[in-house]
PDB file of all heavy atoms in Angstrom:
ATOM      1  N   ILE A   1      -0.459   2.194  -0.149  1.00  0.00           N
ATOM      2  CA  ILE A   1      -1.407   3.289   0.061  1.00  0.00           C
ATOM      3  C   ILE A   1      -0.836   4.566  -0.554  1.00  0.00           C
ATOM      4  O   ILE A   1       0.366   4.843  -0.438  1.00  0.00           O
ATOM      5  CB  ILE A   1      -1.698   3.509   1.559  1.00  0.00           C
ATOM      6  CG1 ILE A   1      -2.319   2.244   2.175  1.00  0.00           C
ATOM      7  CG2 ILE A   1      -2.601   4.719   1.787  1.00  0.00           C
ATOM      8  CD1 ILE A   1      -2.444   2.293   3.682  1.00  0.00           C
ATOM      9  N   ALA A   2      -1.705   5.345  -1.188  1.00  0.00           N
ATOM     10  CA  ALA A   2      -1.341   6.683  -1.664  1.00  0.00           C
ATOM     11  C   ALA A   2      -2.114   7.713  -0.843  1.00  0.00           C
ATOM     12  O   ALA A   2      -3.321   7.552  -0.608  1.00  0.00           O
ATOM     13  CB  ALA A   2      -1.647   6.839  -3.143  1.00  0.00           C
ATOM     14  N   VAL A   3      -1.419   8.751  -0.410  1.00  0.00           N
ATOM     15  CA  VAL A   3      -1.998   9.785   0.456  1.00  0.00           C
ATOM     16  C   VAL A   3      -1.665  11.147  -0.124  1.00  0.00           C
ATOM     17  O   VAL A   3      -0.566  11.356  -0.671  1.00  0.00           O
ATOM     18  CB  VAL A   3      -1.433   9.650   1.892  1.00  0.00           C
ATOM     19  CG1 VAL A   3      -1.870  10.809   2.763  1.00  0.00           C
ATOM     20  CG2 VAL A   3      -1.869   8.326   2.518  1.00  0.00           C
ATOM     21  N   ASP A   4      -2.584  12.071  -0.003  1.00  0.00           N
ATOM     22  CA  ASP A   4      -2.309  13.464  -0.359  1.00  0.00           C
ATOM     23  C   ASP A   4      -1.356  14.035   0.684  1.00  0.00           C
ATOM     24  O   ASP A   4      -1.723  14.116   1.875  1.00  0.00           O
ATOM     25  CB  ASP A   4      -3.603  14.261  -0.396  1.00  0.00           C
ATOM     26  CG  ASP A   4      -3.410  15.690  -0.886  1.00  0.00           C
ATOM     27  OD1 ASP A   4      -2.421  16.340  -0.464  1.00  0.00           O
ATOM     28  OD2 ASP A   4      -4.236  16.170  -1.683  1.00  0.00           O
ATOM     29  N   PRO A   5      -0.150  14.461   0.312  1.00  0.00           N
ATOM     30  CA  PRO A   5       0.824  14.908   1.317  1.00  0.00           C
ATOM     31  C   PRO A   5       0.471  16.260   1.952  1.00  0.00           C
ATOM     32  O   PRO A   5       1.044  16.622   2.977  1.00  0.00           O
ATOM     33  CB  PRO A   5       2.131  14.985   0.534  1.00  0.00           C
ATOM     34  CG  PRO A   5       1.716  15.229  -0.875  1.00  0.00           C
ATOM     35  CD  PRO A   5       0.423  14.489  -1.054  1.00  0.00           C
ATOM     36  N   VAL A   6      -0.452  16.982   1.365  1.00  0.00           N
ATOM     37  CA  VAL A   6      -0.849  18.277   1.922  1.00  0.00           C
ATOM     38  C   VAL A   6      -1.950  18.119   2.959  1.00  0.00           C
ATOM     39  O   VAL A   6      -1.929  18.744   4.025  1.00  0.00           O
ATOM     40  CB  VAL A   6      -1.307  19.239   0.807  1.00  0.00           C
ATOM     41  CG1 VAL A   6      -1.816  20.552   1.399  1.00  0.00           C
ATOM     42  CG2 VAL A   6      -0.173  19.490  -0.170  1.00  0.00           C
ATOM     43  N   THR A   7      -2.918  17.216   2.685  1.00  0.00           N
ATOM     44  CA  THR A   7      -4.079  17.084   3.558  1.00  0.00           C
ATOM     45  C   THR A   7      -4.075  15.793   4.381  1.00  0.00           C
ATOM     46  O   THR A   7      -4.798  15.694   5.373  1.00  0.00           O
ATOM     47  CB  THR A   7      -5.366  17.105   2.715  1.00  0.00           C
ATOM     48  OG1 THR A   7      -5.391  15.929   1.876  1.00  0.00           O
ATOM     49  CG2 THR A   7      -5.428  18.347   1.852  1.00  0.00           C
ATOM     50  N   GLY A   8      -3.303  14.792   3.957  1.00  0.00           N
ATOM     51  CA  GLY A   8      -3.327  13.499   4.616  1.00  0.00           C
ATOM     52  C   GLY A   8      -4.492  12.623   4.201  1.00  0.00           C
ATOM     53  O   GLY A   8      -4.707  11.539   4.762  1.00  0.00           O
ATOM     54  N   LYS A   9      -5.271  13.038   3.218  1.00  0.00           N
ATOM     55  CA  LYS A   9      -6.413  12.273   2.747  1.00  0.00           C
ATOM     56  C   LYS A   9      -5.956  11.102   1.894  1.00  0.00           C
ATOM     57  O   LYS A   9      -5.099  11.238   1.018  1.00  0.00           O
ATOM     58  CB  LYS A   9      -7.350  13.176   1.940  1.00  0.00           C
ATOM     59  CG  LYS A   9      -8.606  12.458   1.447  1.00  0.00           C
ATOM     60  CD  LYS A   9      -9.502  13.406   0.662  1.00  0.00           C
ATOM     61  CE  LYS A   9     -10.748  12.684   0.146  1.00  0.00           C
ATOM     62  NZ  LYS A   9     -11.610  13.588  -0.654  1.00  0.00           N
ATOM     63  N   GLU A  10      -6.536   9.930   2.150  1.00  0.00           N
ATOM     64  CA  GLU A  10      -6.189   8.742   1.371  1.00  0.00           C
ATOM     65  C   GLU A  10      -6.686   8.881  -0.063  1.00  0.00           C
ATOM     66  O   GLU A  10      -7.833   9.265  -0.303  1.00  0.00           O
ATOM     67  CB  GLU A  10      -6.797   7.501   2.017  1.00  0.00           C
ATOM     68  CG  GLU A  10      -6.405   6.197   1.324  1.00  0.00           C
ATOM     69  CD  GLU A  10      -6.952   4.978   2.035  1.00  0.00           C
ATOM     70  OE1 GLU A  10      -6.629   4.797   3.240  1.00  0.00           O
ATOM     71  OE2 GLU A  10      -7.696   4.205   1.389  1.00  0.00           O
ATOM     72  N   ILE A  11      -5.810   8.550  -1.017  1.00  0.00           N
ATOM     73  CA  ILE A  11      -6.167   8.595  -2.438  1.00  0.00           C
ATOM     74  C   ILE A  11      -6.582   7.217  -2.921  1.00  0.00           C
ATOM     75  O   ILE A  11      -7.608   7.051  -3.573  1.00  0.00           O
ATOM     76  CB  ILE A  11      -4.976   9.127  -3.272  1.00  0.00           C
ATOM     77  CG1 ILE A  11      -4.572  10.526  -2.813  1.00  0.00           C
ATOM     78  CG2 ILE A  11      -5.319   9.118  -4.762  1.00  0.00           C
ATOM     79  CD1 ILE A  11      -3.274  11.042  -3.437  1.00  0.00           C
ATOM     80  N   TRP A  12      -5.785   6.214  -2.604  1.00  0.00           N
ATOM     81  CA  TRP A  12      -6.152   4.837  -2.923  1.00  0.00           C
ATOM     82  C   TRP A  12      -5.426   3.880  -1.983  1.00  0.00           C
ATOM     83  O   TRP A  12      -4.476   4.257  -1.313  1.00  0.00           O
ATOM     84  CB  TRP A  12      -5.895   4.479  -4.382  1.00  0.00           C
ATOM     85  CG  TRP A  12      -4.503   4.697  -4.944  1.00  0.00           C
ATOM     86  CD1 TRP A  12      -4.116   5.684  -5.799  1.00  0.00           C
ATOM     87  CD2 TRP A  12      -3.328   3.882  -4.726  1.00  0.00           C
ATOM     88  NE1 TRP A  12      -2.776   5.549  -6.123  1.00  0.00           N
ATOM     89  CE2 TRP A  12      -2.267   4.442  -5.482  1.00  0.00           C
ATOM     90  CE3 TRP A  12      -3.060   2.740  -3.964  1.00  0.00           C
ATOM     91  CZ2 TRP A  12      -0.972   3.914  -5.488  1.00  0.00           C
ATOM     92  CZ3 TRP A  12      -1.772   2.204  -3.969  1.00  0.00           C
ATOM     93  CH2 TRP A  12      -0.757   2.796  -4.729  1.00  0.00           C
ATOM     94  N   ARG A  13      -5.904   2.640  -1.958  1.00  0.00           N
ATOM     95  CA  ARG A  13      -5.341   1.600  -1.124  1.00  0.00           C
ATOM     96  C   ARG A  13      -5.406   0.294  -1.891  1.00  0.00           C
ATOM     97  O   ARG A  13      -6.413  -0.038  -2.501  1.00  0.00           O
ATOM     98  CB  ARG A  13      -6.127   1.487   0.193  1.00  0.00           C
ATOM     99  CG  ARG A  13      -5.731   0.321   1.078  1.00  0.00           C
ATOM    100  CD  ARG A  13      -6.625   0.273   2.318  1.00  0.00           C
ATOM    101  NE  ARG A  13      -6.380   1.425   3.187  1.00  0.00           N
ATOM    102  CZ  ARG A  13      -6.172   1.334   4.490  1.00  0.00           C
ATOM    103  NH1 ARG A  13      -6.142   0.136   5.083  1.00  0.00           N
ATOM    104  NH2 ARG A  13      -5.975   2.403   5.212  1.00  0.00           N
ATOM    105  N   PHE A  14      -4.292  -0.473  -1.846  1.00  0.00           N
ATOM    106  CA  PHE A  14      -4.232  -1.769  -2.530  1.00  0.00           C
ATOM    107  C   PHE A  14      -3.872  -2.854  -1.528  1.00  0.00           C
ATOM    108  O   PHE A  14      -2.884  -2.739  -0.798  1.00  0.00           O
ATOM    109  CB  PHE A  14      -3.178  -1.740  -3.648  1.00  0.00           C
ATOM    110  CG  PHE A  14      -2.883  -3.093  -4.233  1.00  0.00           C
ATOM    111  CD1 PHE A  14      -3.763  -3.691  -5.121  1.00  0.00           C
ATOM    112  CD2 PHE A  14      -1.717  -3.775  -3.876  1.00  0.00           C
ATOM    113  CE1 PHE A  14      -3.488  -4.946  -5.647  1.00  0.00           C
ATOM    114  CE2 PHE A  14      -1.439  -5.028  -4.410  1.00  0.00           C
ATOM    115  CZ  PHE A  14      -2.332  -5.623  -5.290  1.00  0.00           C
ATOM    116  N   ASP A  15      -4.692  -3.918  -1.492  1.00  0.00           N
ATOM    117  CA  ASP A  15      -4.459  -5.042  -0.596  1.00  0.00           C
ATOM    118  C   ASP A  15      -3.970  -6.240  -1.410  1.00  0.00           C
ATOM    119  O   ASP A  15      -4.760  -6.838  -2.155  1.00  0.00           O
ATOM    120  CB  ASP A  15      -5.737  -5.407   0.146  1.00  0.00           C
ATOM    121  CG  ASP A  15      -5.549  -6.530   1.166  1.00  0.00           C
ATOM    122  OD1 ASP A  15      -4.429  -7.092   1.230  1.00  0.00           O
ATOM    123  OD2 ASP A  15      -6.517  -6.857   1.870  1.00  0.00           O
ATOM    124  N   PRO A  16      -2.695  -6.618  -1.295  1.00  0.00           N
ATOM    125  CA  PRO A  16      -2.178  -7.711  -2.120  1.00  0.00           C
ATOM    126  C   PRO A  16      -2.742  -9.073  -1.739  1.00  0.00           C
ATOM    127  O   PRO A  16      -2.651 -10.026  -2.531  1.00  0.00           O
ATOM    128  CB  PRO A  16      -0.670  -7.665  -1.857  1.00  0.00           C
ATOM    129  CG  PRO A  16      -0.550  -7.074  -0.493  1.00  0.00           C
ATOM    130  CD  PRO A  16      -1.677  -6.076  -0.395  1.00  0.00           C
ATOM    131  N   PHE A  17      -3.322  -9.204  -0.557  1.00  0.00           N
ATOM    132  CA  PHE A  17      -3.780 -10.506  -0.078  1.00  0.00           C
ATOM    133  C   PHE A  17      -5.293 -10.678  -0.196  1.00  0.00           C
ATOM    134  O   PHE A  17      -5.827 -11.717   0.187  1.00  0.00           O
ATOM    135  CB  PHE A  17      -3.344 -10.698   1.365  1.00  0.00           C
ATOM    136  CG  PHE A  17      -1.873 -10.476   1.570  1.00  0.00           C
ATOM    137  CD1 PHE A  17      -1.421  -9.408   2.325  1.00  0.00           C
ATOM    138  CD2 PHE A  17      -0.930 -11.314   0.978  1.00  0.00           C
ATOM    139  CE1 PHE A  17      -0.064  -9.191   2.501  1.00  0.00           C
ATOM    140  CE2 PHE A  17       0.423 -11.088   1.141  1.00  0.00           C
ATOM    141  CZ  PHE A  17       0.861 -10.033   1.910  1.00  0.00           C
ATOM    142  N   GLU A  18      -5.983  -9.684  -0.718  1.00  0.00           N
ATOM    143  CA  GLU A  18      -7.425  -9.773  -0.858  1.00  0.00           C
ATOM    144  C   GLU A  18      -7.804 -10.931  -1.781  1.00  0.00           C
ATOM    145  O   GLU A  18      -7.292 -11.051  -2.903  1.00  0.00           O
ATOM    146  CB  GLU A  18      -7.987  -8.467  -1.421  1.00  0.00           C
ATOM    147  CG  GLU A  18      -9.500  -8.430  -1.490  1.00  0.00           C
ATOM    148  CD  GLU A  18     -10.021  -7.090  -1.961  1.00  0.00           C
ATOM    149  OE1 GLU A  18      -9.193  -6.209  -2.297  1.00  0.00           O
ATOM    150  OE2 GLU A  18     -11.238  -6.922  -2.006  1.00  0.00           O
ATOM    151  N   GLY A  19      -8.680 -11.809  -1.297  1.00  0.00           N
ATOM    152  CA  GLY A  19      -9.129 -12.924  -2.105  1.00  0.00           C
ATOM    153  C   GLY A  19      -8.162 -14.077  -2.197  1.00  0.00           C
ATOM    154  O   GLY A  19      -8.361 -14.993  -3.005  1.00  0.00           O
ATOM    155  N   THR A  20      -7.079 -14.070  -1.386  1.00  0.00           N
ATOM    156  CA  THR A  20      -6.096 -15.148  -1.410  1.00  0.00           C
ATOM    157  C   THR A  20      -5.975 -15.759  -0.019  1.00  0.00           C
ATOM    158  O   THR A  20      -6.473 -15.221   0.966  1.00  0.00           O
ATOM    159  CB  THR A  20      -4.728 -14.651  -1.858  1.00  0.00           C
ATOM    160  OG1 THR A  20      -4.119 -13.885  -0.787  1.00  0.00           O
ATOM    161  CG2 THR A  20      -4.821 -13.791  -3.097  1.00  0.00           C
ATOM    162  N   GLU A  21      -5.302 -16.907   0.033  1.00  0.00           N
ATOM    163  CA  GLU A  21      -5.043 -17.543   1.317  1.00  0.00           C
ATOM    164  C   GLU A  21      -3.724 -17.072   1.922  1.00  0.00           C
ATOM    165  O   GLU A  21      -3.378 -17.439   3.050  1.00  0.00           O
ATOM    166  CB  GLU A  21      -5.019 -19.069   1.153  1.00  0.00           C
ATOM    167  CG  GLU A  21      -6.379 -19.648   0.747  1.00  0.00           C
ATOM    168  CD  GLU A  21      -6.341 -21.157   0.634  1.00  0.00           C
ATOM    169  OE1 GLU A  21      -5.249 -21.733   0.812  1.00  0.00           O
ATOM    170  OE2 GLU A  21      -7.395 -21.759   0.358  1.00  0.00           O
ATOM    171  N   ASP A  22      -2.968 -16.284   1.169  1.00  0.00           N
ATOM    172  CA  ASP A  22      -1.709 -15.754   1.681  1.00  0.00           C
ATOM    173  C   ASP A  22      -2.012 -14.660   2.696  1.00  0.00           C
ATOM    174  O   ASP A  22      -3.122 -14.130   2.765  1.00  0.00           O
ATOM    175  CB  ASP A  22      -0.865 -15.193   0.520  1.00  0.00           C
ATOM    176  CG  ASP A  22       0.615 -15.160   0.857  1.00  0.00           C
ATOM    177  OD1 ASP A  22       0.967 -15.505   2.000  1.00  0.00           O
ATOM    178  OD2 ASP A  22       1.412 -14.781  -0.013  1.00  0.00           O
ATOM    179  N   ARG A  23      -1.012 -14.309   3.470  1.00  0.00           N
ATOM    180  CA  ARG A  23      -1.225 -13.287   4.488  1.00  0.00           C
ATOM    181  C   ARG A  23       0.059 -12.500   4.692  1.00  0.00           C
ATOM    182  O   ARG A  23       1.128 -12.904   4.256  1.00  0.00           O
ATOM    183  CB  ARG A  23      -1.677 -13.909   5.805  1.00  0.00           C
ATOM    184  CG  ARG A  23      -0.695 -14.891   6.407  1.00  0.00           C
ATOM    185  CD  ARG A  23      -1.256 -15.566   7.643  1.00  0.00           C
ATOM    186  NE  ARG A  23      -0.340 -16.551   8.192  1.00  0.00           N
ATOM    187  CZ  ARG A  23       0.631 -16.284   9.045  1.00  0.00           C
ATOM    188  NH1 ARG A  23       0.832 -15.039   9.437  1.00  0.00           N
ATOM    189  NH2 ARG A  23       1.410 -17.227   9.507  1.00  0.00           N
ATOM    190  N   ALA A  24      -0.079 -11.386   5.375  1.00  0.00           N
ATOM    191  CA  ALA A  24       1.075 -10.526   5.612  1.00  0.00           C
ATOM    192  C   ALA A  24       2.036 -11.188   6.577  1.00  0.00           C
ATOM    193  O   ALA A  24       1.646 -11.733   7.614  1.00  0.00           O
ATOM    194  CB  ALA A  24       0.605  -9.181   6.164  1.00  0.00           C
ATOM    195  N   ARG A  25       3.315 -11.162   6.226  1.00  0.00           N
ATOM    196  CA  ARG A  25       4.375 -11.654   7.095  1.00  0.00           C
ATOM    197  C   ARG A  25       5.483 -10.596   7.135  1.00  0.00           C
ATOM    198  O   ARG A  25       5.684  -9.872   6.190  1.00  0.00           O
ATOM    199  CB  ARG A  25       4.945 -12.980   6.596  1.00  0.00           C
ATOM    200  CG  ARG A  25       3.948 -14.147   6.641  1.00  0.00           C
ATOM    201  CD  ARG A  25       4.622 -15.416   6.100  1.00  0.00           C
ATOM    202  NE  ARG A  25       3.755 -16.589   6.213  1.00  0.00           N
ATOM    203  CZ  ARG A  25       2.865 -16.943   5.308  1.00  0.00           C
ATOM    204  NH1 ARG A  25       2.705 -16.206   4.231  1.00  0.00           N
ATOM    205  NH2 ARG A  25       2.127 -18.018   5.478  1.00  0.00           N
ATOM    206  N   ASP A  26       6.199 -10.565   8.249  1.00  0.00           N
ATOM    207  CA  ASP A  26       7.347  -9.678   8.386  1.00  0.00           C
ATOM    208  C   ASP A  26       6.950  -8.220   8.214  1.00  0.00           C
ATOM    209  O   ASP A  26       5.848  -7.826   8.572  1.00  0.00           O
ATOM    210  CB  ASP A  26       8.455 -10.091   7.397  1.00  0.00           C
ATOM    211  CG  ASP A  26       8.896 -11.513   7.614  1.00  0.00           C
ATOM    212  OD1 ASP A  26       9.256 -11.857   8.754  1.00  0.00           O
ATOM    213  OD2 ASP A  26       8.867 -12.298   6.663  1.00  0.00           O
ATOM    214  N   VAL A  27       7.835  -7.415   7.646  1.00  0.00           N
ATOM    215  CA  VAL A  27       7.590  -5.983   7.521  1.00  0.00           C
ATOM    216  C   VAL A  27       7.871  -5.557   6.081  1.00  0.00           C
ATOM    217  O   VAL A  27       8.389  -6.319   5.270  1.00  0.00           O
ATOM    218  CB  VAL A  27       8.494  -5.174   8.478  1.00  0.00           C
ATOM    219  CG1 VAL A  27       8.186  -5.513   9.929  1.00  0.00           C
ATOM    220  CG2 VAL A  27       9.974  -5.430   8.185  1.00  0.00           C
ATOM    221  N   ASN A  28       7.538  -4.315   5.781  1.00  0.00           N
ATOM    222  CA  ASN A  28       7.850  -3.748   4.477  1.00  0.00           C
ATOM    223  C   ASN A  28       8.344  -2.331   4.682  1.00  0.00           C
ATOM    224  O   ASN A  28       7.746  -1.567   5.456  1.00  0.00           O
ATOM    225  CB  ASN A  28       6.625  -3.762   3.569  1.00  0.00           C
ATOM    226  CG  ASN A  28       6.926  -3.207   2.197  1.00  0.00           C
ATOM    227  OD1 ASN A  28       7.013  -1.990   2.014  1.00  0.00           O
ATOM    228  ND2 ASN A  28       7.098  -4.089   1.228  1.00  0.00           N
ATOM    229  N   ARG A  29       9.426  -1.967   4.007  1.00  0.00           N
ATOM    230  CA  ARG A  29      10.048  -0.668   4.255  1.00  0.00           C
ATOM    231  C   ARG A  29       9.860   0.322   3.123  1.00  0.00           C
ATOM    232  O   ARG A  29      10.575   1.308   3.036  1.00  0.00           O
ATOM    233  CB  ARG A  29      11.526  -0.883   4.598  1.00  0.00           C
ATOM    234  CG  ARG A  29      11.656  -1.697   5.888  1.00  0.00           C
ATOM    235  CD  ARG A  29      13.053  -1.847   6.404  1.00  0.00           C
ATOM    236  NE  ARG A  29      13.009  -2.569   7.671  1.00  0.00           N
ATOM    237  CZ  ARG A  29      13.637  -3.702   7.925  1.00  0.00           C
ATOM    238  NH1 ARG A  29      14.409  -4.262   7.003  1.00  0.00           N
ATOM    239  NH2 ARG A  29      13.520  -4.296   9.097  1.00  0.00           N
ATOM    240  N   GLY A  30       8.899   0.042   2.221  1.00  0.00           N
ATOM    241  CA  GLY A  30       8.585   1.037   1.227  1.00  0.00           C
ATOM    242  C   GLY A  30       8.417   0.492  -0.167  1.00  0.00           C
ATOM    243  O   GLY A  30       8.498  -0.717  -0.408  1.00  0.00           O
ATOM    244  N   VAL A  31       8.184   1.400  -1.091  1.00  0.00           N
ATOM    245  CA  VAL A  31       7.889   1.050  -2.477  1.00  0.00           C
ATOM    246  C   VAL A  31       8.889   1.731  -3.403  1.00  0.00           C
ATOM    247  O   VAL A  31       9.627   2.640  -3.005  1.00  0.00           O
ATOM    248  CB  VAL A  31       6.455   1.463  -2.862  1.00  0.00           C
ATOM    249  CG1 VAL A  31       5.441   0.792  -1.933  1.00  0.00           C
ATOM    250  CG2 VAL A  31       6.288   2.989  -2.808  1.00  0.00           C
ATOM    251  N   ALA A  32       8.894   1.284  -4.657  1.00  0.00           N
ATOM    252  CA  ALA A  32       9.725   1.898  -5.703  1.00  0.00           C
ATOM    253  C   ALA A  32       8.811   2.509  -6.758  1.00  0.00           C
ATOM    254  O   ALA A  32       7.682   2.068  -6.960  1.00  0.00           O
ATOM    255  CB  ALA A  32      10.659   0.864  -6.322  1.00  0.00           C
ATOM    256  N   TYR A  33       9.336   3.520  -7.437  1.00  0.00           N
ATOM    257  CA  TYR A  33       8.561   4.248  -8.448  1.00  0.00           C
ATOM    258  C   TYR A  33       9.290   4.222  -9.780  1.00  0.00           C
ATOM    259  O   TYR A  33      10.522   4.338  -9.832  1.00  0.00           O
ATOM    260  CB  TYR A  33       8.371   5.696  -7.994  1.00  0.00           C
ATOM    261  CG  TYR A  33       7.690   6.603  -9.003  1.00  0.00           C
ATOM    262  CD1 TYR A  33       6.312   6.648  -9.100  1.00  0.00           C
ATOM    263  CD2 TYR A  33       8.446   7.424  -9.834  1.00  0.00           C
ATOM    264  CE1 TYR A  33       5.683   7.495 -10.004  1.00  0.00           C
ATOM    265  CE2 TYR A  33       7.836   8.268 -10.742  1.00  0.00           C
ATOM    266  CZ  TYR A  33       6.453   8.310 -10.840  1.00  0.00           C
ATOM    267  OH  TYR A  33       5.843   9.145 -11.732  1.00  0.00           O
ATOM    268  N   TRP A  34       8.515   4.065 -10.862  1.00  0.00           N
ATOM    269  CA  TRP A  34       9.069   4.106 -12.227  1.00  0.00           C
ATOM    270  C   TRP A  34       8.118   4.891 -13.115  1.00  0.00           C
ATOM    271  O   TRP A  34       6.895   4.825 -12.949  1.00  0.00           O
ATOM    272  CB  TRP A  34       9.232   2.693 -12.790  1.00  0.00           C
ATOM    273  CG  TRP A  34       9.645   2.663 -14.248  1.00  0.00           C
ATOM    274  CD1 TRP A  34      10.902   2.694 -14.737  1.00  0.00           C
ATOM    275  CD2 TRP A  34       8.768   2.621 -15.377  1.00  0.00           C
ATOM    276  NE1 TRP A  34      10.882   2.662 -16.121  1.00  0.00           N
ATOM    277  CE2 TRP A  34       9.572   2.612 -16.536  1.00  0.00           C
ATOM    278  CE3 TRP A  34       7.384   2.572 -15.529  1.00  0.00           C
ATOM    279  CZ2 TRP A  34       9.048   2.568 -17.824  1.00  0.00           C
ATOM    280  CZ3 TRP A  34       6.832   2.542 -16.819  1.00  0.00           C
ATOM    281  CH2 TRP A  34       7.659   2.529 -17.939  1.00  0.00           C
ATOM    282  N   GLU A  35       8.697   5.645 -14.038  1.00  0.00           N
ATOM    283  CA  GLU A  35       7.907   6.339 -15.048  1.00  0.00           C
ATOM    284  C   GLU A  35       8.610   6.271 -16.379  1.00  0.00           C
ATOM    285  O   GLU A  35       9.844   6.185 -16.451  1.00  0.00           O
ATOM    286  CB  GLU A  35       7.660   7.800 -14.653  1.00  0.00           C
ATOM    287  CG  GLU A  35       8.924   8.629 -14.555  1.00  0.00           C
ATOM    288  CD  GLU A  35       8.668  10.039 -14.029  1.00  0.00           C
ATOM    289  OE1 GLU A  35       7.606  10.269 -13.425  1.00  0.00           O
ATOM    290  OE2 GLU A  35       9.556  10.908 -14.224  1.00  0.00           O
TER     291      GLU A  35
END
């Protein structure tokens, strides 16, 4: 999920399991960024 840090408004959301038989397991502690 991307959020505006000033307002808290959601910018976008990505669901990795949409349309698949896989499902969320365990936890996730964050993402990495590259440019």
